[in-house]
C-alpha atoms as a PDB file:
ATOM      1  CA  UNK A   1      94.221 113.351 133.655  1.00  0.00           C
ATOM      2  CA  UNK A   2      93.129 111.322 130.630  1.00  0.00           C
ATOM      3  CA  UNK A   3      96.670 111.042 129.265  1.00  0.00           C
ATOM      4  CA  UNK A   4      98.101 110.071 132.660  1.00  0.00           C
ATOM      5  CA  UNK A   5      95.380 107.459 133.087  1.00  0.00           C
ATOM      6  CA  UNK A   6      96.330 105.926 129.728  1.00  0.00           C
ATOM      7  CA  UNK A   7      99.977 105.891 130.770  1.00  0.00           C
ATOM      8  CA  UNK A   8      99.238 104.029 133.995  1.00  0.00           C
ATOM      9  CA  UNK A   9      96.927 101.565 132.236  1.00  0.00           C
ATOM     10  CA  UNK A  10      99.498 100.873 129.522  1.00  0.00           C
ATOM     11  CA  UNK A  11     102.682 100.649 131.560  1.00  0.00           C
ATOM     12  CA  UNK A  12     101.766  99.881 135.205  1.00  0.00           C
ATOM     13  CA  UNK A  13      99.039  97.298 135.744  1.00  0.00           C
ATOM     14  CA  UNK A  14      97.009  97.484 138.951  1.00  0.00           C
ATOM     15  CA  UNK A  15      98.490  95.376 141.729  1.00  0.00           C
ATOM     16  CA  UNK A  16     102.138  96.066 140.944  1.00  0.00           C
ATOM     17  CA  UNK A  17     103.700  97.572 144.061  1.00  0.00           C
ATOM     18  CA  UNK A  18     105.623 100.338 142.329  1.00  0.00           C
ATOM     19  CA  UNK A  19     107.045 103.448 143.973  1.00  0.00           C
ATOM     20  CA  UNK A  20     105.781 106.444 141.992  1.00  0.00           C
ATOM     21  CA  UNK A  21     107.127 109.954 142.476  1.00  0.00           C
ATOM     22  CA  UNK A  22     105.158 112.870 141.066  1.00  0.00           C
ATOM     23  CA  UNK A  23     107.147 116.047 140.489  1.00  0.00           C
ATOM     24  CA  UNK A  24     104.961 119.116 140.866  1.00  0.00           C
ATOM     25  CA  UNK A  25     102.232 117.291 142.763  1.00  0.00           C
ATOM     26  CA  UNK A  26     100.305 120.208 144.272  1.00  0.00           C
ATOM     27  CA  UNK A  27      96.634 119.742 143.453  1.00  0.00           C
ATOM     28  CA  UNK A  28      95.677 122.956 141.650  1.00  0.00           C
ATOM     29  CA  UNK A  29      93.203 121.779 138.997  1.00  0.00           C
ATOM     30  CA  UNK A  30      93.038 118.101 139.895  1.00  0.00           C
ATOM     31  CA  UNK A  31      95.771 115.555 140.537  1.00  0.00           C
ATOM     32  CA  UNK A  32      96.975 112.609 138.479  1.00  0.00           C
ATOM     33  CA  UNK A  33      97.408 110.810 141.810  1.00  0.00           C
ATOM     34  CA  UNK A  34      93.679 110.126 141.475  1.00  0.00           C
ATOM     35  CA  UNK A  35      94.273 107.839 138.469  1.00  0.00           C
ATOM     36  CA  UNK A  36      97.424 106.113 139.750  1.00  0.00           C
ATOM     37  CA  UNK A  37      97.351 102.306 139.881  1.00  0.00           C
ATOM     38  CA  UNK A  38      96.067 100.680 143.037  1.00  0.00           C
ATOM     39  CA  UNK A  39      98.789  99.131 145.144  1.00  0.00           C
ATOM     40  CA  UNK A  40     101.445 101.686 144.227  1.00  0.00           C
ATOM     41  CA  UNK A  41     103.255 103.827 146.792  1.00  0.00           C
ATOM     42  CA  UNK A  42     102.708 107.404 145.618  1.00  0.00           C
ATOM     43  CA  UNK A  43     104.960 110.276 146.745  1.00  0.00           C
ATOM     44  CA  UNK A  44     104.219 113.853 145.711  1.00  0.00           C
ATOM     45  CA  UNK A  45     106.966 116.482 145.709  1.00  0.00           C
ATOM     46  CA  UNK A  46     106.703 120.213 145.044  1.00  0.00           C
ATOM     47  CA  UNK A  47     108.482 123.440 145.949  1.00  0.00           C
ATOM     48  CA  UNK A  48     105.546 124.729 148.035  1.00  0.00           C
ATOM     49  CA  UNK A  49     103.233 123.325 150.677  1.00  0.00           C
ATOM     50  CA  UNK A  50      99.792 122.318 149.454  1.00  0.00           C
ATOM     51  CA  UNK A  51      97.251 119.587 148.892  1.00  0.00           C
ATOM     52  CA  UNK A  52      98.901 116.514 147.404  1.00  0.00           C
ATOM     53  CA  UNK A  53     102.432 117.506 148.477  1.00  0.00           C
ATOM     54  CA  UNK A  54     104.217 114.950 150.655  1.00  0.00           C
ATOM     55  CA  UNK A  55     107.734 116.408 150.391  1.00  0.00           C
ATOM     56  CA  UNK A  56     108.655 120.077 149.917  1.00  0.00           C
ATOM     57  CA  UNK A  57     111.766 120.616 147.804  1.00  0.00           C
ATOM     58  CA  UNK A  58     114.532 122.970 148.901  1.00  0.00           C
ATOM     59  CA  UNK A  59     115.972 122.988 145.389  1.00  0.00           C
ATOM     60  CA  UNK A  60     113.744 122.346 142.337  1.00  0.00           C
ATOM     61  CA  UNK A  61     116.667 120.591 140.618  1.00  0.00           C
ATOM     62  CA  UNK A  62     117.553 118.260 143.507  1.00  0.00           C
ATOM     63  CA  UNK A  63     115.230 115.368 144.335  1.00  0.00           C
ATOM     64  CA  UNK A  64     115.545 113.887 147.861  1.00  0.00           C
ATOM     65  CA  UNK A  65     115.850 110.256 146.794  1.00  0.00           C
ATOM     66  CA  UNK A  66     118.763 107.836 146.517  1.00  0.00           C
ATOM     67  CA  UNK A  67     120.267 106.812 143.194  1.00  0.00           C
ATOM     68  CA  UNK A  68     118.228 104.162 141.368  1.00  0.00           C
ATOM     69  CA  UNK A  69     115.557 103.947 144.090  1.00  0.00           C
ATOM     70  CA  UNK A  70     112.330 104.891 142.270  1.00  0.00           C
ATOM     71  CA  UNK A  71     110.275 102.786 139.862  1.00  0.00           C
ATOM     72  CA  UNK A  72     108.336 105.537 138.090  1.00  0.00           C
ATOM     73  CA  UNK A  73     108.460 109.331 137.902  1.00  0.00           C
ATOM     74  CA  UNK A  74     105.564 111.355 136.547  1.00  0.00           C
ATOM     75  CA  UNK A  75     105.307 115.067 135.841  1.00  0.00           C
ATOM     76  CA  UNK A  76     102.352 116.955 134.419  1.00  0.00           C
ATOM     77  CA  UNK A  77     102.275 120.684 133.578  1.00  0.00           C
ATOM     78  CA  UNK A  78     105.583 121.341 135.329  1.00  0.00           C
ATOM     79  CA  UNK A  79     108.417 121.485 132.801  1.00  0.00           C
ATOM     80  CA  UNK A  80     107.044 124.640 131.179  1.00  0.00           C
ATOM     81  CA  UNK A  81     107.553 126.367 134.544  1.00  0.00           C
ATOM     82  CA  UNK A  82     111.057 124.978 135.113  1.00  0.00           C
ATOM     83  CA  UNK A  83     113.688 127.480 134.014  1.00  0.00           C
ATOM     84  CA  UNK A  84     116.190 124.659 133.410  1.00  0.00           C
ATOM     85  CA  UNK A  85     114.051 121.578 132.828  1.00  0.00           C
ATOM     86  CA  UNK A  86     117.008 119.747 131.272  1.00  0.00           C
ATOM     87  CA  UNK A  87     118.693 119.655 134.698  1.00  0.00           C
ATOM     88  CA  UNK A  88     115.527 118.253 136.242  1.00  0.00           C
ATOM     89  CA  UNK A  89     115.410 115.580 133.526  1.00  0.00           C
ATOM     90  CA  UNK A  90     118.890 114.365 134.506  1.00  0.00           C
ATOM     91  CA  UNK A  91     117.905 114.339 138.168  1.00  0.00           C
ATOM     92  CA  UNK A  92     114.886 112.191 137.321  1.00  0.00           C
ATOM     93  CA  UNK A  93     117.112 109.722 135.500  1.00  0.00           C
ATOM     94  CA  UNK A  94     119.437 109.614 138.497  1.00  0.00           C
ATOM     95  CA  UNK A  95     116.744 108.463 140.932  1.00  0.00           C
ATOM     96  CA  UNK A  96     115.051 105.982 138.576  1.00  0.00           C
ATOM     97  CA  UNK A  97     115.883 102.308 138.790  1.00  0.00           C
ATOM     98  CA  UNK A  98     117.567 100.896 135.649  1.00  0.00           C
ATOM     99  CA  UNK A  99     114.166  99.621 134.486  1.00  0.00           C
ATOM    100  CA  UNK A 100     112.388 102.798 135.601  1.00  0.00           C
ATOM    101  CA  UNK A 101     109.973 104.926 133.587  1.00  0.00           C
ATOM    102  CA  UNK A 102     109.373 108.654 133.281  1.00  0.00           C
ATOM    103  CA  UNK A 103     106.031 110.067 132.109  1.00  0.00           C
ATOM    104  CA  UNK A 104     106.158 113.670 130.912  1.00  0.00           C
ATOM    105  CA  UNK A 105     103.119 115.810 130.130  1.00  0.00           C
ATOM    106  CA  UNK A 106     103.753 119.447 129.211  1.00  0.00           C
ATOM    107  CA  UNK A 107     101.964 122.024 127.031  1.00  0.00           C
ATOM    108  CA  UNK A 108     102.693 122.108 123.330  1.00  0.00           C
ATOM    109  CA  UNK A 109     100.815 125.416 123.066  1.00  0.00           C
ATOM    110  CA  UNK A 110      98.468 127.533 125.148  1.00  0.00           C
ATOM    111  CA  UNK A 111      98.168 130.698 127.174  1.00  0.00           C
ATOM    112  CA  UNK A 112     100.955 132.433 129.062  1.00  0.00           C
ATOM    113  CA  UNK A 113     100.503 131.345 132.687  1.00  0.00           C
ATOM    114  CA  UNK A 114     103.069 132.158 135.360  1.00  0.00           C
ATOM    115  CA  UNK A 115     103.413 129.662 138.184  1.00  0.00           C
ATOM    116  CA  UNK A 116     105.619 131.440 139.188  1.00  0.00           C
ATOM    117  CA  UNK A 117     107.171 131.665 135.697  1.00  0.00           C
ATOM    118  CA  UNK A 118     106.172 130.305 132.298  1.00  0.00           C
ATOM    119  CA  UNK A 119     109.161 129.560 130.055  1.00  0.00           C
ATOM    120  CA  UNK A 120     108.651 126.752 127.545  1.00  0.00           C
ATOM    121  CA  UNK A 121     106.429 124.846 125.117  1.00  0.00           C
ATOM    122  CA  UNK A 122     107.276 121.399 123.703  1.00  0.00           C
ATOM    123  CA  UNK A 123     107.118 120.222 120.065  1.00  0.00           C
ATOM    124  CA  UNK A 124     107.309 116.780 118.411  1.00  0.00           C
ATOM    125  CA  UNK A 125     111.111 116.473 118.524  1.00  0.00           C
ATOM    126  CA  UNK A 126     111.432 117.566 122.156  1.00  0.00           C
ATOM    127  CA  UNK A 127     111.443 114.050 123.587  1.00  0.00           C
ATOM    128  CA  UNK A 128     114.265 112.857 121.355  1.00  0.00           C
ATOM    129  CA  UNK A 129     116.170 116.059 122.149  1.00  0.00           C
ATOM    130  CA  UNK A 130     116.006 115.204 125.852  1.00  0.00           C
ATOM    131  CA  UNK A 131     117.387 111.742 125.072  1.00  0.00           C
ATOM    132  CA  UNK A 132     120.282 113.325 123.159  1.00  0.00           C
ATOM    133  CA  UNK A 133     120.998 115.622 126.110  1.00  0.00           C
ATOM    134  CA  UNK A 134     120.955 112.687 128.543  1.00  0.00           C
ATOM    135  CA  UNK A 135     123.372 110.675 126.413  1.00  0.00           C
ATOM    136  CA  UNK A 136     125.817 113.581 126.515  1.00  0.00           C
ATOM    137  CA  UNK A 137     125.620 113.265 130.295  1.00  0.00           C
ATOM    138  CA  UNK A 138     126.415 109.530 130.411  1.00  0.00           C
ATOM    139  CA  UNK A 139     122.874 108.174 130.564  1.00  0.00           C
ATOM    140  CA  UNK A 140     121.337 105.832 127.999  1.00  0.00           C
ATOM    141  CA  UNK A 141     117.558 106.417 128.023  1.00  0.00           C
ATOM    142  CA  UNK A 142     115.045 105.596 125.333  1.00  0.00           C
ATOM    143  CA  UNK A 143     111.957 107.548 124.377  1.00  0.00           C
ATOM    144  CA  UNK A 144     109.345 104.850 123.997  1.00  0.00           C
ATOM    145  CA  UNK A 145     106.708 107.112 122.469  1.00  0.00           C
ATOM    146  CA  UNK A 146     105.484 110.684 122.289  1.00  0.00           C
ATOM    147  CA  UNK A 147     102.509 112.532 120.876  1.00  0.00           C
ATOM    148  CA  UNK A 148     100.473 115.738 121.084  1.00  0.00           C
ATOM    149  CA  UNK A 149      96.924 115.116 122.270  1.00  0.00           C
ATOM    150  CA  UNK A 150      93.851 116.849 120.871  1.00  0.00           C
ATOM    151  CA  UNK A 151      92.193 119.767 122.589  1.00  0.00           C
ATOM    152  CA  UNK A 152      89.133 119.022 124.670  1.00  0.00           C
ATOM    153  CA  UNK A 153      87.314 122.039 126.109  1.00  0.00           C
ATOM    154  CA  UNK A 154      90.038 124.693 125.886  1.00  0.00           C
ATOM    155  CA  UNK A 155      93.059 125.835 123.835  1.00  0.00           C
ATOM    156  CA  UNK A 156      95.599 123.417 125.294  1.00  0.00           C
ATOM    157  CA  UNK A 157      97.339 120.620 123.415  1.00  0.00           C
ATOM    158  CA  UNK A 158      99.474 118.428 125.670  1.00  0.00           C
ATOM    159  CA  UNK A 159     102.828 117.036 124.585  1.00  0.00           C
ATOM    160  CA  UNK A 160     103.242 113.585 126.145  1.00  0.00           C
ATOM    161  CA  UNK A 161     106.383 111.452 126.204  1.00  0.00           C
ATOM    162  CA  UNK A 162     107.298 108.190 127.931  1.00  0.00           C
ATOM    163  CA  UNK A 163     110.943 107.380 128.634  1.00  0.00           C
ATOM    164  CA  UNK A 164     112.733 104.254 129.825  1.00  0.00           C
ATOM    165  CA  UNK A 165     115.749 105.105 131.943  1.00  0.00           C
ATOM    166  CA  UNK A 166     117.932 102.572 130.146  1.00  0.00           C
ATOM    167  CA  UNK A 167     117.454 101.567 126.541  1.00  0.00           C
ATOM    168  CA  UNK A 168     118.247  97.913 127.302  1.00  0.00           C
ATOM    169  CA  UNK A 169     115.143  97.701 129.502  1.00  0.00           C
ATOM    170  CA  UNK A 170     112.767  99.103 126.887  1.00  0.00           C
ATOM    171  CA  UNK A 171     111.937  95.557 125.776  1.00  0.00           C
ATOM    172  CA  UNK A 172     110.215  95.047 129.141  1.00  0.00           C
ATOM    173  CA  UNK A 173     107.505  97.485 128.032  1.00  0.00           C
ATOM    174  CA  UNK A 174     105.975  96.154 124.798  1.00  0.00           C
ATOM    175  CA  UNK A 175     102.704  98.113 124.955  1.00  0.00           C
ATOM    176  CA  UNK A 176     102.228 101.691 123.792  1.00  0.00           C
ATOM    177  CA  UNK A 177      99.551 104.315 124.400  1.00  0.00           C
ATOM    178  CA  UNK A 178      99.489 104.990 120.651  1.00  0.00           C
ATOM    179  CA  UNK A 179      98.322 101.436 120.036  1.00  0.00           C
ATOM    180  CA  UNK A 180      94.935 102.435 121.443  1.00  0.00           C
ATOM    181  CA  UNK A 181      94.821 106.254 121.351  1.00  0.00           C
ATOM    182  CA  UNK A 182      93.463 107.802 118.152  1.00  0.00           C
ATOM    183  CA  UNK A 183      92.969 111.489 119.052  1.00  0.00           C
ATOM    184  CA  UNK A 184      96.555 112.710 118.716  1.00  0.00           C
ATOM    185  CA  UNK A 185      98.915 114.583 116.411  1.00  0.00           C
ATOM    186  CA  UNK A 186     102.626 114.197 115.697  1.00  0.00           C
ATOM    187  CA  UNK A 187     103.147 110.794 117.263  1.00  0.00           C
ATOM    188  CA  UNK A 188     106.644 109.301 117.395  1.00  0.00           C
ATOM    189  CA  UNK A 189     107.484 105.714 118.342  1.00  0.00           C
ATOM    190  CA  UNK A 190     110.819 104.400 119.567  1.00  0.00           C
ATOM    191  CA  UNK A 191     113.452 103.930 116.830  1.00  0.00           C
ATOM    192  CA  UNK A 192     111.228 105.477 114.170  1.00  0.00           C
ATOM    193  CA  UNK A 193     111.743 108.626 112.122  1.00  0.00           C
ATOM    194  CA  UNK A 194     108.117 108.649 110.961  1.00  0.00           C
ATOM    195  CA  UNK A 195     105.718 111.172 112.479  1.00  0.00           C
ATOM    196  CA  UNK A 196     102.232 109.741 112.854  1.00  0.00           C
ATOM    197  CA  UNK A 197      99.263 112.038 112.142  1.00  0.00           C
ATOM    198  CA  UNK A 198     101.545 114.885 111.157  1.00  0.00           C
ATOM    199  CA  UNK A 199     100.074 118.292 111.955  1.00  0.00           C
ATOM    200  CA  UNK A 200     102.135 121.400 111.212  1.00  0.00           C
ATOM    201  CA  UNK A 201      99.827 123.960 112.804  1.00  0.00           C
ATOM    202  CA  UNK A 202      98.673 124.005 116.448  1.00  0.00           C
ATOM    203  CA  UNK A 203      95.056 122.949 116.668  1.00  0.00           C
ATOM    204  CA  UNK A 204      93.777 126.381 117.712  1.00  0.00           C
ATOM    205  CA  UNK A 205      95.580 128.064 114.790  1.00  0.00           C
ATOM    206  CA  UNK A 206      94.216 125.438 112.430  1.00  0.00           C
ATOM    207  CA  UNK A 207      90.695 126.295 113.593  1.00  0.00           C
ATOM    208  CA  UNK A 208      91.353 129.988 112.976  1.00  0.00           C
ATOM    209  CA  UNK A 209      92.551 129.222 109.445  1.00  0.00           C
ATOM    210  CA  UNK A 210      89.323 127.328 108.735  1.00  0.00           C
ATOM    211  CA  UNK A 211      87.242 130.197 110.152  1.00  0.00           C
ATOM    212  CA  UNK A 212      89.140 132.697 108.002  1.00  0.00           C
ATOM    213  CA  UNK A 213      88.522 130.595 104.889  1.00  0.00           C
ATOM    214  CA  UNK A 214      84.788 130.529 105.650  1.00  0.00           C
ATOM    215  CA  UNK A 215      84.711 134.306 106.190  1.00  0.00           C
ATOM    216  CA  UNK A 216      86.656 134.905 102.960  1.00  0.00           C
ATOM    217  CA  UNK A 217      84.119 132.828 101.018  1.00  0.00           C
ATOM    218  CA  UNK A 218      81.226 134.767 102.531  1.00  0.00           C
ATOM    219  CA  UNK A 219      82.879 138.080 101.672  1.00  0.00           C
ATOM    220  CA  UNK A 220      83.299 136.973  98.044  1.00  0.00           C
ATOM    221  CA  UNK A 221      79.594 136.095  97.887  1.00  0.00           C
ATOM    222  CA  UNK A 222      78.660 139.548  99.200  1.00  0.00           C
END
């Protein structure tokens, strides 16, 4: 919710009458619809009926929208459950307008959780890998930024990436979440090879390493 709110604040000011499609919109533990900008037309799609679902999908890899008809697509905690998320990524690019944006939030680590399956976790280079895949399929997107956010009250670290459908329109979006967000690891900005706040270990493993070091010191004292 916090990451999605930052995305909307950074890229879609209140008052802009954008059409936003959320993929995987069923409200299970809260909905990012709640933090969407005022004035936007919000459409939630999912493969099952439920709260927050406006359109039920017959095929999880086919979105019922015309080519280049949607301003913004958002997806949170969905791609890890998609057996072939790379096909869904291409379908998202298909429906986005040339200046359209895609916000992706997906676990970088965390517990095994079937809904109905649990297949993937995303790492720092995942966003650029999706861009490479899209280019091989005749699209020209740009990853504007990506990062892994800190844990809050549980073991999850979210991988977040923002894409412009067409690289030539990236200039229309000069602001970045990472200009204001400080609690992140492994940030990557467009056209940069540098990784900001590099962190090799997942945050929960890093905590375990620190705990082990403390225990080892206590054992030596004993």
